Amino acid sequence: MTAQLTNGRSYTTSVWVRSQSGAPSAKATLALTANGTTDYVQLTPAGAVNTGGWTRLTGTTTVSWTGTLTNASFYVETVAGTDGLYIDDAAFQ
């Protein structure tokens, strides 16, 4: 994913999420490592997900960093960080 990013560009994220149990709040995040420092960019607002159906998380965010980008990791997490999720059809454009 690192080679696909352009510094200072806005990206739209869309991901379908479903909880394995409970109804946690989830969000999509991008971890960017540049010059040995990792920063986290929240790509979508946090939204409640549940076991009863798929929830679409969407958002548009400008992604930027200082220095040389060496790693970028896209992931979906719960706000508490302890819940299991199913992920379907993620897009980052």
N, C-alpha and C. Protein backbone atom coordinates (compact mmCIF):
# COMPACT_ATOMS: atom_id res chain seq x y z
N MET A 1 0.82 -1.18 0.00
CA MET A 1 0.00 0.00 0.00
C MET A 1 0.87 1.25 0.00
N THR A 2 2.07 1.18 0.52
CA THR A 2 2.94 2.35 0.65
C THR A 2 3.18 3.04 -0.69
N ALA A 3 3.44 2.27 -1.73
CA ALA A 3 3.74 2.85 -3.04
C ALA A 3 2.52 3.50 -3.69
N GLN A 4 1.33 3.20 -3.22
CA GLN A 4 0.11 3.74 -3.82
C GLN A 4 -0.30 5.08 -3.23
N LEU A 5 0.32 5.52 -2.16
CA LEU A 5 -0.08 6.75 -1.50
C LEU A 5 0.66 7.96 -2.05
N THR A 6 -0.06 9.09 -2.10
CA THR A 6 0.52 10.37 -2.49
C THR A 6 0.39 11.32 -1.31
N ASN A 7 1.49 11.89 -0.88
CA ASN A 7 1.50 12.79 0.27
C ASN A 7 0.60 14.00 0.01
N GLY A 8 -0.31 14.28 0.97
CA GLY A 8 -1.20 15.43 0.88
C GLY A 8 -2.47 15.19 0.10
N ARG A 9 -2.70 14.00 -0.39
CA ARG A 9 -3.89 13.68 -1.18
C ARG A 9 -5.04 13.23 -0.27
N SER A 10 -6.26 13.53 -0.68
CA SER A 10 -7.45 13.06 0.03
C SER A 10 -7.85 11.70 -0.52
N TYR A 11 -8.21 10.80 0.39
CA TYR A 11 -8.63 9.44 0.03
C TYR A 11 -9.99 9.17 0.64
N THR A 12 -10.81 8.44 -0.11
CA THR A 12 -12.11 8.02 0.39
C THR A 12 -12.03 6.54 0.73
N THR A 13 -12.50 6.20 1.92
CA THR A 13 -12.48 4.84 2.42
C THR A 13 -13.90 4.33 2.58
N SER A 14 -14.11 3.10 2.19
CA SER A 14 -15.40 2.44 2.38
C SER A 14 -15.13 0.99 2.77
N VAL A 15 -15.71 0.54 3.86
CA VAL A 15 -15.51 -0.83 4.30
C VAL A 15 -16.78 -1.33 5.00
N TRP A 16 -17.14 -2.56 4.69
CA TRP A 16 -18.29 -3.20 5.33
C TRP A 16 -17.79 -4.02 6.50
N VAL A 17 -18.41 -3.82 7.67
CA VAL A 17 -17.95 -4.44 8.92
C VAL A 17 -19.12 -5.10 9.63
N ARG A 18 -18.83 -6.21 10.28
CA ARG A 18 -19.82 -6.92 11.09
C ARG A 18 -19.12 -7.43 12.34
N SER A 19 -19.78 -7.34 13.47
CA SER A 19 -19.19 -7.78 14.73
C SER A 19 -19.33 -9.29 14.90
N GLN A 20 -18.33 -9.91 15.53
CA GLN A 20 -18.43 -11.33 15.87
C GLN A 20 -19.32 -11.53 17.08
N SER A 21 -19.37 -10.52 17.97
CA SER A 21 -20.26 -10.57 19.13
C SER A 21 -20.43 -9.15 19.68
N GLY A 22 -21.58 -8.89 20.25
CA GLY A 22 -21.82 -7.58 20.83
C GLY A 22 -22.07 -6.51 19.79
N ALA A 23 -22.00 -5.25 20.24
CA ALA A 23 -22.24 -4.11 19.35
C ALA A 23 -21.19 -3.02 19.60
N PRO A 24 -19.94 -3.30 19.24
CA PRO A 24 -18.88 -2.31 19.47
C PRO A 24 -18.93 -1.17 18.46
N SER A 25 -18.17 -0.15 18.71
CA SER A 25 -17.97 0.96 17.79
C SER A 25 -16.66 0.70 17.05
N ALA A 26 -16.69 0.77 15.71
CA ALA A 26 -15.51 0.44 14.91
C ALA A 26 -15.15 1.60 13.99
N LYS A 27 -13.88 1.61 13.55
CA LYS A 27 -13.39 2.65 12.64
C LYS A 27 -12.26 2.08 11.79
N ALA A 28 -12.05 2.69 10.62
CA ALA A 28 -10.93 2.32 9.77
C ALA A 28 -9.77 3.28 10.06
N THR A 29 -8.57 2.72 10.11
CA THR A 29 -7.38 3.49 10.48
C THR A 29 -6.24 3.17 9.52
N LEU A 30 -5.37 4.14 9.30
CA LEU A 30 -4.17 3.96 8.50
C LEU A 30 -2.97 4.28 9.38
N ALA A 31 -2.06 3.32 9.51
CA ALA A 31 -0.81 3.55 10.24
C ALA A 31 0.26 3.91 9.22
N LEU A 32 0.89 5.08 9.38
CA LEU A 32 1.92 5.57 8.47
C LEU A 32 3.25 5.66 9.21
N THR A 33 4.28 5.01 8.68
CA THR A 33 5.61 5.11 9.28
C THR A 33 6.51 5.87 8.32
N ALA A 34 7.03 7.00 8.81
CA ALA A 34 7.96 7.84 8.03
C ALA A 34 9.07 8.29 8.96
N ASN A 35 10.30 8.14 8.51
CA ASN A 35 11.49 8.53 9.30
C ASN A 35 11.49 7.88 10.68
N GLY A 36 11.02 6.64 10.76
CA GLY A 36 11.05 5.89 12.02
C GLY A 36 9.93 6.20 12.98
N THR A 37 9.02 7.10 12.63
CA THR A 37 7.90 7.47 13.50
C THR A 37 6.60 7.00 12.87
N THR A 38 5.75 6.36 13.67
CA THR A 38 4.45 5.90 13.18
C THR A 38 3.35 6.83 13.67
N ASP A 39 2.55 7.31 12.73
CA ASP A 39 1.39 8.14 13.04
C ASP A 39 0.15 7.40 12.56
N TYR A 40 -0.97 7.64 13.22
CA TYR A 40 -2.22 6.96 12.91
C TYR A 40 -3.23 7.97 12.40
N VAL A 41 -3.84 7.66 11.26
CA VAL A 41 -4.83 8.53 10.64
C VAL A 41 -6.18 7.81 10.67
N GLN A 42 -7.16 8.43 11.30
CA GLN A 42 -8.49 7.85 11.34
C GLN A 42 -9.15 8.14 9.99
N LEU A 43 -9.52 7.07 9.26
CA LEU A 43 -10.06 7.21 7.92
C LEU A 43 -11.58 7.35 7.88
N THR A 44 -12.25 6.78 8.86
CA THR A 44 -13.71 6.87 8.93
C THR A 44 -14.12 7.24 10.34
N PRO A 45 -15.26 7.91 10.48
CA PRO A 45 -15.77 8.13 11.84
C PRO A 45 -16.12 6.76 12.45
N ALA A 46 -16.03 6.67 13.76
CA ALA A 46 -16.41 5.45 14.45
C ALA A 46 -17.92 5.26 14.32
N GLY A 47 -18.33 4.02 14.07
CA GLY A 47 -19.75 3.70 13.94
C GLY A 47 -20.07 2.40 14.63
N ALA A 48 -21.28 2.29 15.15
CA ALA A 48 -21.71 1.06 15.83
C ALA A 48 -21.89 -0.06 14.82
N VAL A 49 -21.36 -1.21 15.13
CA VAL A 49 -21.55 -2.42 14.31
C VAL A 49 -22.16 -3.49 15.20
N ASN A 50 -22.79 -4.48 14.58
CA ASN A 50 -23.41 -5.55 15.38
C ASN A 50 -23.35 -6.87 14.63
N THR A 51 -23.90 -7.90 15.25
CA THR A 51 -23.88 -9.24 14.66
C THR A 51 -25.03 -9.47 13.69
N GLY A 52 -26.02 -8.58 13.69
CA GLY A 52 -27.23 -8.79 12.90
C GLY A 52 -27.14 -8.41 11.44
N GLY A 53 -26.08 -7.76 11.02
CA GLY A 53 -25.96 -7.35 9.62
C GLY A 53 -24.70 -6.55 9.41
N TRP A 54 -24.43 -6.23 8.15
CA TRP A 54 -23.24 -5.49 7.79
C TRP A 54 -23.47 -4.00 7.92
N THR A 55 -22.45 -3.29 8.42
CA THR A 55 -22.48 -1.83 8.55
C THR A 55 -21.38 -1.26 7.67
N ARG A 56 -21.72 -0.24 6.89
CA ARG A 56 -20.74 0.39 6.01
C ARG A 56 -20.14 1.59 6.73
N LEU A 57 -18.82 1.58 6.87
CA LEU A 57 -18.08 2.72 7.41
C LEU A 57 -17.47 3.46 6.23
N THR A 58 -17.69 4.78 6.15
CA THR A 58 -17.14 5.56 5.05
C THR A 58 -16.57 6.87 5.57
N GLY A 59 -15.61 7.40 4.85
CA GLY A 59 -15.04 8.69 5.21
C GLY A 59 -14.04 9.14 4.18
N THR A 60 -13.77 10.44 4.16
CA THR A 60 -12.75 11.02 3.29
C THR A 60 -11.78 11.80 4.16
N THR A 61 -10.50 11.51 4.01
CA THR A 61 -9.46 12.11 4.84
C THR A 61 -8.23 12.43 4.01
N THR A 62 -7.59 13.54 4.32
CA THR A 62 -6.31 13.86 3.69
C THR A 62 -5.20 13.14 4.43
N VAL A 63 -4.37 12.46 3.68
CA VAL A 63 -3.27 11.67 4.26
C VAL A 63 -1.95 12.38 3.95
N SER A 64 -1.18 12.68 5.00
CA SER A 64 0.11 13.34 4.79
C SER A 64 1.11 12.87 5.83
N TRP A 65 2.37 13.05 5.51
CA TRP A 65 3.46 12.66 6.40
C TRP A 65 4.66 13.55 6.11
N THR A 66 5.62 13.51 7.02
CA THR A 66 6.85 14.27 6.87
C THR A 66 8.01 13.29 6.72
N GLY A 67 8.83 13.48 5.71
CA GLY A 67 9.97 12.60 5.50
C GLY A 67 9.67 11.53 4.48
N THR A 68 10.37 10.40 4.60
CA THR A 68 10.23 9.29 3.66
C THR A 68 9.30 8.24 4.23
N LEU A 69 8.23 7.97 3.52
CA LEU A 69 7.26 6.96 3.94
C LEU A 69 7.84 5.57 3.70
N THR A 70 7.92 4.77 4.76
CA THR A 70 8.48 3.42 4.63
C THR A 70 7.46 2.32 4.84
N ASN A 71 6.30 2.65 5.45
CA ASN A 71 5.27 1.63 5.67
C ASN A 71 3.91 2.29 5.83
N ALA A 72 2.90 1.64 5.29
CA ALA A 72 1.52 2.08 5.47
C ALA A 72 0.66 0.83 5.65
N SER A 73 -0.12 0.79 6.71
CA SER A 73 -0.97 -0.37 7.00
C SER A 73 -2.40 0.09 7.23
N PHE A 74 -3.33 -0.50 6.49
CA PHE A 74 -4.75 -0.21 6.62
C PHE A 74 -5.37 -1.28 7.51
N TYR A 75 -6.18 -0.86 8.47
CA TYR A 75 -6.88 -1.84 9.30
C TYR A 75 -8.17 -1.26 9.86
N VAL A 76 -9.03 -2.15 10.33
CA VAL A 76 -10.29 -1.78 10.98
C VAL A 76 -10.18 -2.26 12.42
N GLU A 77 -10.55 -1.38 13.34
CA GLU A 77 -10.44 -1.71 14.76
C GLU A 77 -11.67 -1.22 15.51
N THR A 78 -11.89 -1.78 16.68
CA THR A 78 -12.94 -1.26 17.54
C THR A 78 -12.34 -0.18 18.42
N VAL A 79 -13.16 0.71 18.90
CA VAL A 79 -12.68 1.78 19.76
C VAL A 79 -12.03 1.19 21.01
N ALA A 80 -12.63 0.12 21.57
CA ALA A 80 -12.07 -0.53 22.76
C ALA A 80 -10.85 -1.38 22.41
N GLY A 81 -10.76 -1.82 21.15
CA GLY A 81 -9.62 -2.62 20.72
C GLY A 81 -9.67 -4.07 21.16
N THR A 82 -10.82 -4.55 21.61
CA THR A 82 -10.89 -5.91 22.14
C THR A 82 -11.91 -6.80 21.44
N ASP A 83 -12.62 -6.29 20.46
CA ASP A 83 -13.69 -7.04 19.82
C ASP A 83 -13.24 -7.65 18.50
N GLY A 84 -13.84 -8.78 18.13
CA GLY A 84 -13.55 -9.41 16.86
C GLY A 84 -14.50 -8.89 15.79
N LEU A 85 -13.97 -8.70 14.57
CA LEU A 85 -14.77 -8.17 13.47
C LEU A 85 -14.62 -9.03 12.23
N TYR A 86 -15.65 -9.01 11.40
CA TYR A 86 -15.58 -9.55 10.05
C TYR A 86 -15.50 -8.33 9.12
N ILE A 87 -14.67 -8.43 8.09
CA ILE A 87 -14.47 -7.33 7.14
C ILE A 87 -14.83 -7.85 5.75
N ASP A 88 -15.57 -7.04 4.98
CA ASP A 88 -15.93 -7.41 3.63
C ASP A 88 -15.84 -6.18 2.73
N ASP A 89 -15.31 -6.35 1.54
CA ASP A 89 -15.32 -5.34 0.51
C ASP A 89 -14.78 -3.99 0.96
N ALA A 90 -13.52 -3.93 1.30
CA ALA A 90 -12.87 -2.68 1.70
C ALA A 90 -12.32 -1.98 0.47
N ALA A 91 -12.49 -0.65 0.41
CA ALA A 91 -11.95 0.16 -0.68
C ALA A 91 -11.29 1.40 -0.12
N PHE A 92 -10.13 1.70 -0.64
CA PHE A 92 -9.37 2.88 -0.23
C PHE A 92 -8.90 3.54 -1.52
N GLN A 93 -9.53 4.66 -1.87
CA GLN A 93 -9.24 5.29 -3.16
C GLN A 93 -8.95 6.76 -2.99
